[in-house]
N, C-alpha and C. Protein backbone atom coordinates (compact mmCIF):
# COMPACT_ATOMS: atom_id res chain seq x y z
N UNK A 1 0.82 -1.18 0.00
CA UNK A 1 0.00 0.00 0.00
C UNK A 1 0.87 1.26 0.00
N UNK A 2 1.94 1.24 0.77
CA UNK A 2 2.84 2.39 0.79
C UNK A 2 3.47 2.64 -0.57
N UNK A 3 3.91 1.57 -1.23
CA UNK A 3 4.55 1.70 -2.55
C UNK A 3 3.61 2.29 -3.59
N UNK A 4 2.31 2.01 -3.43
CA UNK A 4 1.32 2.50 -4.38
C UNK A 4 0.75 3.86 -3.99
N UNK A 5 1.23 4.41 -2.87
CA UNK A 5 0.73 5.71 -2.42
C UNK A 5 -0.65 5.64 -1.82
N UNK A 6 -1.01 4.49 -1.26
CA UNK A 6 -2.35 4.30 -0.72
C UNK A 6 -2.40 4.34 0.80
N UNK A 7 -1.26 4.67 1.42
CA UNK A 7 -1.21 4.72 2.89
C UNK A 7 -0.08 5.63 3.33
N UNK A 8 -0.19 6.10 4.55
CA UNK A 8 0.86 6.90 5.19
C UNK A 8 1.61 6.02 6.18
N UNK A 9 2.86 6.35 6.42
CA UNK A 9 3.59 5.77 7.55
C UNK A 9 3.10 6.54 8.77
N UNK A 10 2.60 5.82 9.75
CA UNK A 10 2.06 6.46 10.95
C UNK A 10 3.18 6.57 11.97
N UNK A 11 3.76 7.76 12.07
CA UNK A 11 4.93 7.98 12.92
C UNK A 11 4.69 7.61 14.38
N UNK A 12 3.47 7.72 14.82
CA UNK A 12 3.15 7.42 16.23
C UNK A 12 3.45 5.96 16.57
N UNK A 13 3.25 5.05 15.63
CA UNK A 13 3.40 3.62 15.92
C UNK A 13 4.59 2.96 15.21
N UNK A 14 5.16 3.61 14.22
CA UNK A 14 6.23 2.98 13.44
C UNK A 14 7.43 2.65 14.31
N UNK A 15 7.62 3.39 15.39
CA UNK A 15 8.77 3.16 16.26
C UNK A 15 8.70 1.80 16.96
N UNK A 16 7.54 1.18 16.96
CA UNK A 16 7.40 -0.15 17.55
C UNK A 16 7.96 -1.25 16.63
N UNK A 17 8.17 -0.91 15.37
CA UNK A 17 8.71 -1.87 14.41
C UNK A 17 10.24 -1.85 14.44
N UNK A 18 10.83 -2.87 13.87
CA UNK A 18 12.28 -2.92 13.80
C UNK A 18 12.80 -1.79 12.92
N UNK A 19 14.06 -1.45 13.09
CA UNK A 19 14.68 -0.40 12.28
C UNK A 19 14.59 -0.76 10.80
N UNK A 20 14.77 -2.03 10.49
CA UNK A 20 14.70 -2.47 9.09
C UNK A 20 13.31 -2.21 8.50
N UNK A 21 12.28 -2.53 9.24
CA UNK A 21 10.91 -2.31 8.78
C UNK A 21 10.63 -0.81 8.67
N UNK A 22 11.05 -0.04 9.65
CA UNK A 22 10.86 1.41 9.61
C UNK A 22 11.48 2.00 8.35
N UNK A 23 12.72 1.61 8.08
CA UNK A 23 13.42 2.13 6.90
C UNK A 23 12.72 1.72 5.61
N UNK A 24 12.27 0.48 5.54
CA UNK A 24 11.59 -0.01 4.33
C UNK A 24 10.28 0.74 4.11
N UNK A 25 9.52 0.96 5.17
CA UNK A 25 8.24 1.67 5.06
C UNK A 25 8.47 3.12 4.64
N UNK A 26 9.41 3.76 5.27
CA UNK A 26 9.68 5.16 4.94
C UNK A 26 10.19 5.31 3.51
N UNK A 27 11.04 4.37 3.09
CA UNK A 27 11.55 4.41 1.72
C UNK A 27 10.41 4.23 0.72
N UNK A 28 9.52 3.29 0.98
CA UNK A 28 8.38 3.06 0.09
C UNK A 28 7.51 4.31 0.00
N UNK A 29 7.29 4.97 1.13
CA UNK A 29 6.48 6.19 1.14
C UNK A 29 7.17 7.30 0.35
N UNK A 30 8.45 7.47 0.56
CA UNK A 30 9.18 8.52 -0.15
C UNK A 30 9.18 8.27 -1.66
N UNK A 31 9.29 7.02 -2.07
CA UNK A 31 9.26 6.71 -3.50
C UNK A 31 7.90 7.04 -4.10
N UNK A 32 6.83 6.69 -3.37
CA UNK A 32 5.48 6.99 -3.85
C UNK A 32 5.28 8.51 -3.94
N UNK A 33 5.78 9.23 -2.94
CA UNK A 33 5.69 10.70 -2.96
C UNK A 33 6.42 11.27 -4.17
N UNK A 34 7.63 10.78 -4.39
CA UNK A 34 8.45 11.29 -5.49
C UNK A 34 7.78 11.05 -6.84
N UNK A 35 7.06 9.94 -6.96
CA UNK A 35 6.38 9.60 -8.21
C UNK A 35 4.97 10.17 -8.29
N UNK A 36 4.49 10.77 -7.20
CA UNK A 36 3.14 11.33 -7.19
C UNK A 36 2.06 10.29 -7.30
N UNK A 37 2.26 9.15 -6.67
CA UNK A 37 1.31 8.05 -6.75
C UNK A 37 0.21 8.19 -5.70
N UNK A 38 -0.97 7.69 -6.03
CA UNK A 38 -2.06 7.59 -5.07
C UNK A 38 -2.37 8.91 -4.39
N UNK A 39 -2.40 8.87 -3.06
CA UNK A 39 -2.75 10.07 -2.31
C UNK A 39 -1.73 11.18 -2.49
N UNK A 40 -0.53 10.83 -2.93
CA UNK A 40 0.50 11.86 -3.16
C UNK A 40 0.27 12.62 -4.45
N UNK A 41 -0.72 12.23 -5.24
CA UNK A 41 -1.07 12.99 -6.44
C UNK A 41 -1.87 14.24 -6.08
N UNK A 42 -2.37 14.27 -4.85
CA UNK A 42 -3.13 15.43 -4.37
C UNK A 42 -2.26 16.24 -3.41
N UNK A 43 -1.86 17.43 -3.80
CA UNK A 43 -0.98 18.23 -2.93
C UNK A 43 -1.65 18.64 -1.63
N UNK A 44 -2.97 18.50 -1.55
CA UNK A 44 -3.70 18.89 -0.34
C UNK A 44 -4.20 17.69 0.46
N UNK A 45 -3.63 16.51 0.21
CA UNK A 45 -4.08 15.33 0.95
C UNK A 45 -3.81 15.51 2.44
N UNK A 46 -4.70 14.98 3.24
CA UNK A 46 -4.63 15.15 4.70
C UNK A 46 -4.46 13.79 5.35
N UNK A 47 -3.45 13.63 6.20
CA UNK A 47 -3.27 12.35 6.89
C UNK A 47 -4.52 12.00 7.70
N UNK A 48 -4.87 10.73 7.79
CA UNK A 48 -6.12 10.34 8.46
C UNK A 48 -6.20 10.78 9.91
N UNK A 49 -5.09 10.80 10.64
CA UNK A 49 -5.14 11.20 12.05
C UNK A 49 -5.47 12.68 12.19
N UNK A 50 -5.07 13.49 11.22
CA UNK A 50 -5.43 14.91 11.24
C UNK A 50 -6.87 15.09 10.78
N UNK A 51 -7.27 14.34 9.75
CA UNK A 51 -8.64 14.41 9.25
C UNK A 51 -9.63 14.06 10.36
N UNK A 52 -9.36 13.00 11.11
CA UNK A 52 -10.26 12.61 12.20
C UNK A 52 -10.39 13.72 13.22
N UNK A 53 -9.28 14.38 13.56
CA UNK A 53 -9.33 15.50 14.50
C UNK A 53 -10.17 16.65 13.94
N UNK A 54 -9.98 16.95 12.66
CA UNK A 54 -10.75 18.03 12.05
C UNK A 54 -12.24 17.73 12.05
N UNK A 55 -12.58 16.49 11.71
CA UNK A 55 -13.99 16.10 11.67
C UNK A 55 -14.59 16.12 13.06
N UNK A 56 -13.88 15.60 14.05
CA UNK A 56 -14.44 15.58 15.40
C UNK A 56 -14.58 16.99 15.95
N UNK A 57 -13.65 17.89 15.62
CA UNK A 57 -13.76 19.27 16.09
C UNK A 57 -14.87 20.03 15.36
N UNK A 58 -15.04 19.73 14.09
CA UNK A 58 -16.08 20.39 13.30
C UNK A 58 -17.46 19.94 13.72
N UNK A 59 -17.61 18.67 14.05
CA UNK A 59 -18.93 18.14 14.39
C UNK A 59 -19.21 18.22 15.89
N UNK A 60 -18.31 18.80 16.65
CA UNK A 60 -18.56 18.96 18.08
C UNK A 60 -19.78 19.84 18.28
N UNK A 61 -20.71 19.34 19.03
CA UNK A 61 -21.92 20.10 19.26
C UNK A 61 -23.02 19.80 18.24
N UNK A 62 -22.66 19.13 17.15
CA UNK A 62 -23.67 18.79 16.16
C UNK A 62 -24.48 17.61 16.66
N UNK A 63 -25.76 17.62 16.38
CA UNK A 63 -26.62 16.54 16.81
C UNK A 63 -26.54 15.37 15.85
N UNK A 64 -26.60 14.17 16.40
CA UNK A 64 -26.64 12.95 15.59
C UNK A 64 -28.06 12.41 15.65
N UNK A 65 -28.61 12.12 14.51
CA UNK A 65 -29.98 11.61 14.46
C UNK A 65 -30.01 10.15 14.25
């Protein structure tokens, strides 16, 4: 998924992986970014952890039916 630009490396949890895995994941992400693949084709793409915060802050106080 990282190689195809369909996922982000989640810095919060990547440190739990081995150094080898961390390096491989980051390299795959950087290659996808460099090629403008998947989500990297959109210069305004928002990481999911930030999007969730934005949505929860925007909908705070909104009623759910």
